[in-house]
Amino acid sequence: MAIVKATVVRVNAQLSRRMNSTHTSTTTNTGMCRLE
């Protein structure tokens, strides 16, 4: 499970960088927190 979490964190970080100018990154972060 730890490996999966690490992958999710990496993907989330990439999405946050791509959507840095929008609020989509905030929504994604909230979704990831709920999954955790």
PDB file of N, CA and C in Angstrom:
ATOM      1  N   MET A   1       0.837  -1.212   0.000  1.00  0.00           N
ATOM      2  CA  MET A   1       0.000   0.000   0.000  1.00  0.00           C
ATOM      3  C   MET A   1       0.864   1.251   0.000  1.00  0.00           C
ATOM      4  N   ALA A   2       2.011   1.168   0.654  1.00  0.00           N
ATOM      5  CA  ALA A   2       2.897   2.340   0.721  1.00  0.00           C
ATOM      6  C   ALA A   2       3.349   2.758  -0.677  1.00  0.00           C
ATOM      7  N   ILE A   3       3.632   1.749  -1.518  1.00  0.00           N
ATOM      8  CA  ILE A   3       4.081   2.053  -2.885  1.00  0.00           C
ATOM      9  C   ILE A   3       2.966   2.764  -3.649  1.00  0.00           C
ATOM     10  N   VAL A   4       1.745   2.300  -3.467  1.00  0.00           N
ATOM     11  CA  VAL A   4       0.615   2.922  -4.162  1.00  0.00           C
ATOM     12  C   VAL A   4       0.458   4.363  -3.708  1.00  0.00           C
ATOM     13  N   LYS A   5       0.578   4.593  -2.406  1.00  0.00           N
ATOM     14  CA  LYS A   5       0.443   5.959  -1.884  1.00  0.00           C
ATOM     15  C   LYS A   5       1.518   6.861  -2.474  1.00  0.00           C
ATOM     16  N   ALA A   6       2.741   6.365  -2.554  1.00  0.00           N
ATOM     17  CA  ALA A   6       3.843   7.156  -3.099  1.00  0.00           C
ATOM     18  C   ALA A   6       3.555   7.530  -4.544  1.00  0.00           C
ATOM     19  N   THR A   7       3.018   6.577  -5.302  1.00  0.00           N
ATOM     20  CA  THR A   7       2.681   6.846  -6.709  1.00  0.00           C
ATOM     21  C   THR A   7       1.593   7.893  -6.802  1.00  0.00           C
ATOM     22  N   VAL A   8       0.590   7.779  -5.940  1.00  0.00           N
ATOM     23  CA  VAL A   8      -0.513   8.741  -5.950  1.00  0.00           C
ATOM     24  C   VAL A   8       0.008  10.131  -5.624  1.00  0.00           C
ATOM     25  N   VAL A   9       0.910  10.217  -4.672  1.00  0.00           N
ATOM     26  CA  VAL A   9       1.478  11.513  -4.299  1.00  0.00           C
ATOM     27  C   VAL A   9       2.237  12.118  -5.476  1.00  0.00           C
ATOM     28  N   ARG A  10       2.977  11.274  -6.187  1.00  0.00           N
ATOM     29  CA  ARG A  10       3.740  11.782  -7.348  1.00  0.00           C
ATOM     30  C   ARG A  10       2.804  12.281  -8.439  1.00  0.00           C
ATOM     31  N   VAL A  11       1.779  11.503  -8.732  1.00  0.00           N
ATOM     32  CA  VAL A  11       0.813  11.904  -9.763  1.00  0.00           C
ATOM     33  C   VAL A  11       0.103  13.182  -9.341  1.00  0.00           C
ATOM     34  N   ASN A  12      -0.271  13.255  -8.065  1.00  0.00           N
ATOM     35  CA  ASN A  12      -0.961  14.436  -7.562  1.00  0.00           C
ATOM     36  C   ASN A  12      -0.065  15.663  -7.680  1.00  0.00           C
ATOM     37  N   ALA A  13       1.217  15.488  -7.414  1.00  0.00           N
ATOM     38  CA  ALA A  13       2.161  16.604  -7.506  1.00  0.00           C
ATOM     39  C   ALA A  13       2.266  17.092  -8.954  1.00  0.00           C
ATOM     40  N   GLN A  14       2.285  16.150  -9.896  1.00  0.00           N
ATOM     41  CA  GLN A  14       2.368  16.533 -11.309  1.00  0.00           C
ATOM     42  C   GLN A  14       1.115  17.281 -11.736  1.00  0.00           C
ATOM     43  N   LEU A  15      -0.036  16.814 -11.276  1.00  0.00           N
ATOM     44  CA  LEU A  15      -1.297  17.474 -11.628  1.00  0.00           C
ATOM     45  C   LEU A  15      -1.337  18.875 -11.029  1.00  0.00           C
ATOM     46  N   SER A  16      -0.834  18.997  -9.811  1.00  0.00           N
ATOM     47  CA  SER A  16      -0.841  20.307  -9.151  1.00  0.00           C
ATOM     48  C   SER A  16       0.020  21.299  -9.930  1.00  0.00           C
ATOM     49  N   ARG A  17       1.135  20.814 -10.459  1.00  0.00           N
ATOM     50  CA  ARG A  17       2.014  21.708 -11.230  1.00  0.00           C
ATOM     51  C   ARG A  17       1.342  22.133 -12.534  1.00  0.00           C
ATOM     52  N   ARG A  18       0.671  21.187 -13.175  1.00  0.00           N
ATOM     53  CA  ARG A  18       0.024  21.488 -14.457  1.00  0.00           C
ATOM     54  C   ARG A  18      -1.165  22.420 -14.250  1.00  0.00           C
ATOM     55  N   MET A  19      -1.891  22.241 -13.167  1.00  0.00           N
ATOM     56  CA  MET A  19      -3.086  23.034 -12.905  1.00  0.00           C
ATOM     57  C   MET A  19      -2.822  24.099 -11.836  1.00  0.00           C
ATOM     58  N   ASN A  20      -1.576  24.549 -11.771  1.00  0.00           N
ATOM     59  CA  ASN A  20      -1.197  25.506 -10.732  1.00  0.00           C
ATOM     60  C   ASN A  20      -1.968  26.811 -10.860  1.00  0.00           C
ATOM     61  N   SER A  21      -2.365  27.164 -12.082  1.00  0.00           N
ATOM     62  CA  SER A  21      -3.040  28.440 -12.313  1.00  0.00           C
ATOM     63  C   SER A  21      -4.547  28.342 -12.109  1.00  0.00           C
ATOM     64  N   THR A  22      -5.026  27.126 -11.780  1.00  0.00           N
ATOM     65  CA  THR A  22      -6.466  26.949 -11.597  1.00  0.00           C
ATOM     66  C   THR A  22      -6.748  26.371 -10.220  1.00  0.00           C
ATOM     67  N   HIS A  23      -8.025  26.210  -9.902  1.00  0.00           N
ATOM     68  CA  HIS A  23      -8.404  25.644  -8.611  1.00  0.00           C
ATOM     69  C   HIS A  23      -8.575  24.132  -8.704  1.00  0.00           C
ATOM     70  N   THR A  24      -8.284  23.576  -9.870  1.00  0.00           N
ATOM     71  CA  THR A  24      -8.426  22.131 -10.047  1.00  0.00           C
ATOM     72  C   THR A  24      -7.473  21.383  -9.120  1.00  0.00           C
ATOM     73  N   SER A  25      -6.294  21.935  -8.895  1.00  0.00           N
ATOM     74  CA  SER A  25      -5.322  21.279  -8.033  1.00  0.00           C
ATOM     75  C   SER A  25      -5.870  21.141  -6.614  1.00  0.00           C
ATOM     76  N   THR A  26      -6.601  22.148  -6.148  1.00  0.00           N
ATOM     77  CA  THR A  26      -7.170  22.096  -4.798  1.00  0.00           C
ATOM     78  C   THR A  26      -8.199  20.974  -4.711  1.00  0.00           C
ATOM     79  N   THR A  27      -9.012  20.848  -5.745  1.00  0.00           N
ATOM     80  CA  THR A  27     -10.024  19.790  -5.758  1.00  0.00           C
ATOM     81  C   THR A  27      -9.359  18.419  -5.774  1.00  0.00           C
ATOM     82  N   THR A  28      -8.284  18.292  -6.541  1.00  0.00           N
ATOM     83  CA  THR A  28      -7.570  17.015  -6.621  1.00  0.00           C
ATOM     84  C   THR A  28      -6.970  16.670  -5.268  1.00  0.00           C
ATOM     85  N   ASN A  29      -6.374  17.650  -4.607  1.00  0.00           N
ATOM     86  CA  ASN A  29      -5.774  17.408  -3.300  1.00  0.00           C
ATOM     87  C   ASN A  29      -6.828  16.941  -2.299  1.00  0.00           C
ATOM     88  N   THR A  30      -8.000  17.544  -2.342  1.00  0.00           N
ATOM     89  CA  THR A  30      -9.076  17.162  -1.430  1.00  0.00           C
ATOM     90  C   THR A  30      -9.500  15.721  -1.703  1.00  0.00           C
ATOM     91  N   GLY A  31      -9.589  15.372  -2.975  1.00  0.00           N
ATOM     92  CA  GLY A  31      -9.971  14.009  -3.332  1.00  0.00           C
ATOM     93  C   GLY A  31      -8.953  13.005  -2.843  1.00  0.00           C
ATOM     94  N   MET A  32      -7.667  13.324  -2.969  1.00  0.00           N
ATOM     95  CA  MET A  32      -6.621  12.414  -2.524  1.00  0.00           C
ATOM     96  C   MET A  32      -6.663  12.253  -1.011  1.00  0.00           C
ATOM     97  N   CYS A  33      -6.925  13.331  -0.299  1.00  0.00           N
ATOM     98  CA  CYS A  33      -6.995  13.262   1.159  1.00  0.00           C
ATOM     99  C   CYS A  33      -8.138  12.343   1.580  1.00  0.00           C
ATOM    100  N   ARG A  34      -9.244  12.400   0.843  1.00  0.00           N
ATOM    101  CA  ARG A  34     -10.389  11.552   1.172  1.00  0.00           C
ATOM    102  C   ARG A  34     -10.048  10.087   0.933  1.00  0.00           C
ATOM    103  N   LEU A  35      -9.307   9.811  -0.156  1.00  0.00           N
ATOM    104  CA  LEU A  35      -8.926   8.434  -0.452  1.00  0.00           C
ATOM    105  C   LEU A  35      -8.002   7.885   0.636  1.00  0.00           C
ATOM    106  N   GLU A  36      -7.137   8.734   1.127  1.00  0.00           N
ATOM    107  CA  GLU A  36      -6.220   8.292   2.176  1.00  0.00           C
ATOM    108  C   GLU A  36      -6.999   8.037   3.457  1.00  0.00           C
TER     109      GLU A  36
END
